[in-house]
Amino acid sequence: MLQKLLAVTAIVTLPAGFAFAASHESDDSSGASMEMEITGDAEAGEQVFRKCQACHMVGEDAQNRVGPTLNGVVGRTAGTLEGFNYSDAMVAKGEEGLVWNPETLAAYLENPRGYVEGTKMSFAGLRKEEERANVIAYLAQYSEDGTMGEGS
C-alpha cells in the first residue's frame, strides 16, 4: 500500500536563510511523525541552484522544463507533480513511498542515477555535502504555488 503524506507543517526561520524545520506525519500504524531540520544556507543555495536552472525552475512563474518545477519539492512524493512526464523509474519510487525530504534529496542530489536507477535526470550530481545542504535550504523556501515561505 502506498504511503500517503497526510500533513506537512513547516516552520520557516530564514532571516539569512539558515534554518528550516519540517515535520512530516505518515499514515503508518505507529502514528509516529518524523522531524527533519534543514541547516543549509539558502542564500548560498541560490548560487548552487544556478547549476540546476537549465532544467528546473522555482518561483511563482515556474514552468516545467526538461525537469519538473521544484516548488514545494520538500515533502512531495517522488514522481507525482501533475503535468510532468516522469521516468517510469521515478514514478515507481514514488509508488514505493519515496518522499523528498532533506535526507532523500541529499542522497539523490549526490548521485541521481545511483539513487533512482533509470531516472531521466542526466545531471552527474553535487559532490559537496555543503552544496547539497545549501540548495535544499534554498528549495525549502518555496511553497507549491511558488511563493516564498514566512520569514524568507
C-alpha atoms as a PDB file:
ATOM      1  CA  MET A   1       0.000   0.000   0.000  1.00  0.00           C
ATOM      2  CA  LEU A   2       1.257   3.460  -0.835  1.00  0.00           C
ATOM      3  CA  GLN A   3       2.359   5.634   1.986  1.00  0.00           C
ATOM      4  CA  LYS A   4       0.442   8.907   1.847  1.00  0.00           C
ATOM      5  CA  LEU A   5       1.715  12.184   3.095  1.00  0.00           C
ATOM      6  CA  LEU A   6      -1.012  13.409   5.433  1.00  0.00           C
ATOM      7  CA  ALA A   7       0.469  16.634   6.610  1.00  0.00           C
ATOM      8  CA  VAL A   8       3.414  18.836   6.091  1.00  0.00           C
ATOM      9  CA  THR A   9       3.927  21.526   8.637  1.00  0.00           C
ATOM     10  CA  ALA A  10       6.710  23.941   8.036  1.00  0.00           C
ATOM     11  CA  ILE A  11       8.209  26.469  10.344  1.00  0.00           C
ATOM     12  CA  VAL A  12      10.499  28.671   8.379  1.00  0.00           C
ATOM     13  CA  THR A  13      13.009  30.808  10.179  1.00  0.00           C
ATOM     14  CA  LEU A  14      15.257  32.032   7.431  1.00  0.00           C
ATOM     15  CA  PRO A  15      16.363  35.553   8.368  1.00  0.00           C
ATOM     16  CA  ALA A  16      19.557  34.874   6.466  1.00  0.00           C
ATOM     17  CA  GLY A  17      18.421  31.561   5.042  1.00  0.00           C
ATOM     18  CA  PHE A  18      19.931  29.304   7.684  1.00  0.00           C
ATOM     19  CA  ALA A  19      17.256  27.014   9.094  1.00  0.00           C
ATOM     20  CA  PHE A  20      14.073  25.249   8.156  1.00  0.00           C
ATOM     21  CA  ALA A  21      12.289  22.649  10.213  1.00  0.00           C
ATOM     22  CA  ALA A  22       9.517  20.443   8.929  1.00  0.00           C
ATOM     23  CA  SER A  23       7.502  17.686  10.460  1.00  0.00           C
ATOM     24  CA  HIS A  24       6.003  15.032   8.269  1.00  0.00           C
ATOM     25  CA  GLU A  25       3.248  12.814   9.573  1.00  0.00           C
ATOM     26  CA  SER A  26       2.854   9.427   7.995  1.00  0.00           C
ATOM     27  CA  ASP A  27      -0.113   7.109   7.938  1.00  0.00           C
ATOM     28  CA  ASP A  28       1.820   4.198   9.399  1.00  0.00           C
ATOM     29  CA  SER A  29       0.263   2.258  12.237  1.00  0.00           C
ATOM     30  CA  SER A  30       2.605   3.727  14.813  1.00  0.00           C
ATOM     31  CA  GLY A  31       1.307   7.217  14.120  1.00  0.00           C
ATOM     32  CA  ALA A  32       4.852   8.457  14.507  1.00  0.00           C
ATOM     33  CA  SER A  33       5.914  11.700  12.926  1.00  0.00           C
ATOM     34  CA  MET A  34       9.339  12.343  11.537  1.00  0.00           C
ATOM     35  CA  GLU A  35      11.091  15.662  12.130  1.00  0.00           C
ATOM     36  CA  MET A  36      13.820  16.918   9.869  1.00  0.00           C
ATOM     37  CA  GLU A  37      15.876  20.020  10.003  1.00  0.00           C
ATOM     38  CA  ILE A  38      17.409  21.813   7.084  1.00  0.00           C
ATOM     39  CA  THR A  39      20.528  23.613   8.174  1.00  0.00           C
ATOM     40  CA  GLY A  40      21.984  24.769   4.858  1.00  0.00           C
ATOM     41  CA  ASP A  41      22.385  28.385   3.828  1.00  0.00           C
ATOM     42  CA  ALA A  42      19.538  29.276   1.438  1.00  0.00           C
ATOM     43  CA  GLU A  43      21.380  32.321   0.118  1.00  0.00           C
ATOM     44  CA  ALA A  44      24.369  30.181  -0.832  1.00  0.00           C
ATOM     45  CA  GLY A  45      21.913  27.592  -2.170  1.00  0.00           C
ATOM     46  CA  GLU A  46      20.582  30.141  -4.638  1.00  0.00           C
ATOM     47  CA  GLN A  47      24.070  30.255  -6.162  1.00  0.00           C
ATOM     48  CA  VAL A  48      24.257  26.445  -6.278  1.00  0.00           C
ATOM     49  CA  PHE A  49      20.807  26.312  -7.908  1.00  0.00           C
ATOM     50  CA  ARG A  50      22.281  28.042 -10.962  1.00  0.00           C
ATOM     51  CA  LYS A  51      23.627  24.601 -11.893  1.00  0.00           C
ATOM     52  CA  CYS A  52      20.016  23.350 -11.940  1.00  0.00           C
ATOM     53  CA  GLN A  53      18.388  26.192 -13.866  1.00  0.00           C
ATOM     54  CA  ALA A  54      18.965  24.722 -17.319  1.00  0.00           C
ATOM     55  CA  CYS A  55      16.361  22.076 -16.448  1.00  0.00           C
ATOM     56  CA  HIS A  56      14.423  23.293 -13.379  1.00  0.00           C
ATOM     57  CA  MET A  57      12.580  26.413 -12.233  1.00  0.00           C
ATOM     58  CA  VAL A  58      11.265  27.735  -8.920  1.00  0.00           C
ATOM     59  CA  GLY A  59       9.090  30.723  -8.121  1.00  0.00           C
ATOM     60  CA  GLU A  60       5.614  31.955  -8.949  1.00  0.00           C
ATOM     61  CA  ASP A  61       6.135  31.827 -12.736  1.00  0.00           C
ATOM     62  CA  ALA A  62       7.950  28.481 -12.744  1.00  0.00           C
ATOM     63  CA  GLN A  63       7.128  26.033 -15.501  1.00  0.00           C
ATOM     64  CA  ASN A  64       8.244  22.505 -16.227  1.00  0.00           C
ATOM     65  CA  ARG A  65      11.262  22.301 -18.481  1.00  0.00           C
ATOM     66  CA  VAL A  66      13.379  19.226 -19.133  1.00  0.00           C
ATOM     67  CA  GLY A  67      12.881  18.647 -15.392  1.00  0.00           C
ATOM     68  CA  PRO A  68       9.848  19.427 -13.214  1.00  0.00           C
ATOM     69  CA  THR A  69       9.358  22.670 -11.318  1.00  0.00           C
ATOM     70  CA  LEU A  70      10.787  22.361  -7.837  1.00  0.00           C
ATOM     71  CA  ASN A  71       8.244  24.486  -5.970  1.00  0.00           C
ATOM     72  CA  GLY A  72       7.157  22.574  -2.883  1.00  0.00           C
ATOM     73  CA  VAL A  73       9.534  19.696  -3.596  1.00  0.00           C
ATOM     74  CA  VAL A  74      10.381  19.212   0.091  1.00  0.00           C
ATOM     75  CA  GLY A  75       7.591  16.948   1.343  1.00  0.00           C
ATOM     76  CA  ARG A  76       6.419  15.873  -2.129  1.00  0.00           C
ATOM     77  CA  THR A  77       6.124  12.223  -3.114  1.00  0.00           C
ATOM     78  CA  ALA A  78       8.592  11.456  -5.900  1.00  0.00           C
ATOM     79  CA  GLY A  79       7.233  11.359  -9.431  1.00  0.00           C
ATOM     80  CA  THR A  80       3.877  12.972  -8.639  1.00  0.00           C
ATOM     81  CA  LEU A  81       3.959  16.573  -9.881  1.00  0.00           C
ATOM     82  CA  GLU A  82       0.956  16.931 -12.148  1.00  0.00           C
ATOM     83  CA  GLY A  83       1.803  17.848 -15.716  1.00  0.00           C
ATOM     84  CA  PHE A  84       5.337  16.458 -15.782  1.00  0.00           C
ATOM     85  CA  ASN A  85       6.234  13.276 -17.655  1.00  0.00           C
ATOM     86  CA  TYR A  86       8.469  11.414 -15.199  1.00  0.00           C
ATOM     87  CA  SER A  87      10.519   8.337 -15.987  1.00  0.00           C
ATOM     88  CA  ASP A  88       8.912   5.033 -15.086  1.00  0.00           C
ATOM     89  CA  ALA A  89      11.686   4.592 -12.508  1.00  0.00           C
ATOM     90  CA  MET A  90      10.807   7.852 -10.701  1.00  0.00           C
ATOM     91  CA  VAL A  91       7.084   7.061 -10.723  1.00  0.00           C
ATOM     92  CA  ALA A  92       7.850   3.608  -9.299  1.00  0.00           C
ATOM     93  CA  LYS A  93       9.940   5.150  -6.495  1.00  0.00           C
ATOM     94  CA  GLY A  94       7.032   7.403  -5.590  1.00  0.00           C
ATOM     95  CA  GLU A  95       4.665   4.431  -5.591  1.00  0.00           C
ATOM     96  CA  GLU A  96       7.111   2.676  -3.249  1.00  0.00           C
ATOM     97  CA  GLY A  97       6.769   5.614  -0.848  1.00  0.00           C
ATOM     98  CA  LEU A  98       9.755   7.837  -1.653  1.00  0.00           C
ATOM     99  CA  VAL A  99       9.057  11.307  -0.282  1.00  0.00           C
ATOM    100  CA  TRP A 100      11.532  14.129  -0.833  1.00  0.00           C
ATOM    101  CA  ASN A 101      12.895  15.288   2.496  1.00  0.00           C
ATOM    102  CA  PRO A 102      16.362  16.647   3.367  1.00  0.00           C
ATOM    103  CA  GLU A 103      17.851  13.153   3.662  1.00  0.00           C
ATOM    104  CA  THR A 104      16.380  11.704   0.468  1.00  0.00           C
ATOM    105  CA  LEU A 105      17.055  14.868  -1.537  1.00  0.00           C
ATOM    106  CA  ALA A 106      20.677  14.919  -0.367  1.00  0.00           C
ATOM    107  CA  ALA A 107      21.183  11.299  -1.412  1.00  0.00           C
ATOM    108  CA  TYR A 108      19.515  11.888  -4.778  1.00  0.00           C
ATOM    109  CA  LEU A 109      21.425  15.100  -5.470  1.00  0.00           C
ATOM    110  CA  GLU A 110      24.718  13.398  -4.664  1.00  0.00           C
ATOM    111  CA  ASN A 111      24.193  10.695  -7.303  1.00  0.00           C
ATOM    112  CA  PRO A 112      20.835  10.902  -9.117  1.00  0.00           C
ATOM    113  CA  ARG A 113      21.326   7.841 -11.329  1.00  0.00           C
ATOM    114  CA  GLY A 114      22.637   5.767  -8.442  1.00  0.00           C
ATOM    115  CA  TYR A 115      19.730   6.703  -6.172  1.00  0.00           C
ATOM    116  CA  VAL A 116      16.987   6.218  -8.781  1.00  0.00           C
ATOM    117  CA  GLU A 117      18.257   3.848 -11.449  1.00  0.00           C
ATOM    118  CA  GLY A 118      16.533   4.748 -14.702  1.00  0.00           C
ATOM    119  CA  THR A 119      15.871   8.398 -13.866  1.00  0.00           C
ATOM    120  CA  LYS A 120      15.805  10.813 -16.794  1.00  0.00           C
ATOM    121  CA  MET A 121      17.932  13.284 -14.835  1.00  0.00           C
ATOM    122  CA  SER A 122      21.273  13.409 -16.609  1.00  0.00           C
ATOM    123  CA  PHE A 123      22.978  15.705 -14.074  1.00  0.00           C
ATOM    124  CA  ALA A 124      26.006  13.976 -12.552  1.00  0.00           C
ATOM    125  CA  GLY A 125      25.240  15.237  -9.047  1.00  0.00           C
ATOM    126  CA  LEU A 126      26.513  17.614  -6.396  1.00  0.00           C
ATOM    127  CA  ARG A 127      29.558  16.019  -4.790  1.00  0.00           C
ATOM    128  CA  LYS A 128      29.977  18.547  -1.962  1.00  0.00           C
ATOM    129  CA  GLU A 129      27.763  17.948   1.064  1.00  0.00           C
ATOM    130  CA  GLU A 130      27.647  21.690   1.794  1.00  0.00           C
ATOM    131  CA  GLU A 131      26.327  22.457  -1.706  1.00  0.00           C
ATOM    132  CA  ARG A 132      23.598  19.831  -1.308  1.00  0.00           C
ATOM    133  CA  ALA A 133      22.565  21.216   2.091  1.00  0.00           C
ATOM    134  CA  ASN A 134      22.524  24.754   0.738  1.00  0.00           C
ATOM    135  CA  VAL A 135      20.446  24.006  -2.358  1.00  0.00           C
ATOM    136  CA  ILE A 136      17.959  22.029  -0.236  1.00  0.00           C
ATOM    137  CA  ALA A 137      17.615  25.036   2.094  1.00  0.00           C
ATOM    138  CA  TYR A 138      17.029  27.218  -0.970  1.00  0.00           C
ATOM    139  CA  LEU A 139      14.366  24.895  -2.391  1.00  0.00           C
ATOM    140  CA  ALA A 140      12.664  24.544   1.001  1.00  0.00           C
ATOM    141  CA  GLN A 141      11.748  28.231   0.878  1.00  0.00           C
ATOM    142  CA  TYR A 142       9.294  27.660  -1.980  1.00  0.00           C
ATOM    143  CA  SER A 143       5.726  26.519  -1.416  1.00  0.00           C
ATOM    144  CA  GLU A 144       3.786  24.567  -4.046  1.00  0.00           C
ATOM    145  CA  ASP A 145       2.467  27.790  -5.608  1.00  0.00           C
ATOM    146  CA  GLY A 146       5.974  29.217  -5.868  1.00  0.00           C
ATOM    147  CA  THR A 147       5.640  31.796  -3.133  1.00  0.00           C
ATOM    148  CA  MET A 148       8.352  32.143  -0.536  1.00  0.00           C
ATOM    149  CA  GLY A 149       7.600  30.920   2.991  1.00  0.00           C
ATOM    150  CA  GLU A 150       7.345  33.119   6.056  1.00  0.00           C
ATOM    151  CA  GLY A 151      10.486  34.874   7.176  1.00  0.00           C
ATOM    152  CA  SER A 152      12.371  34.359   3.918  1.00  0.00           C
END
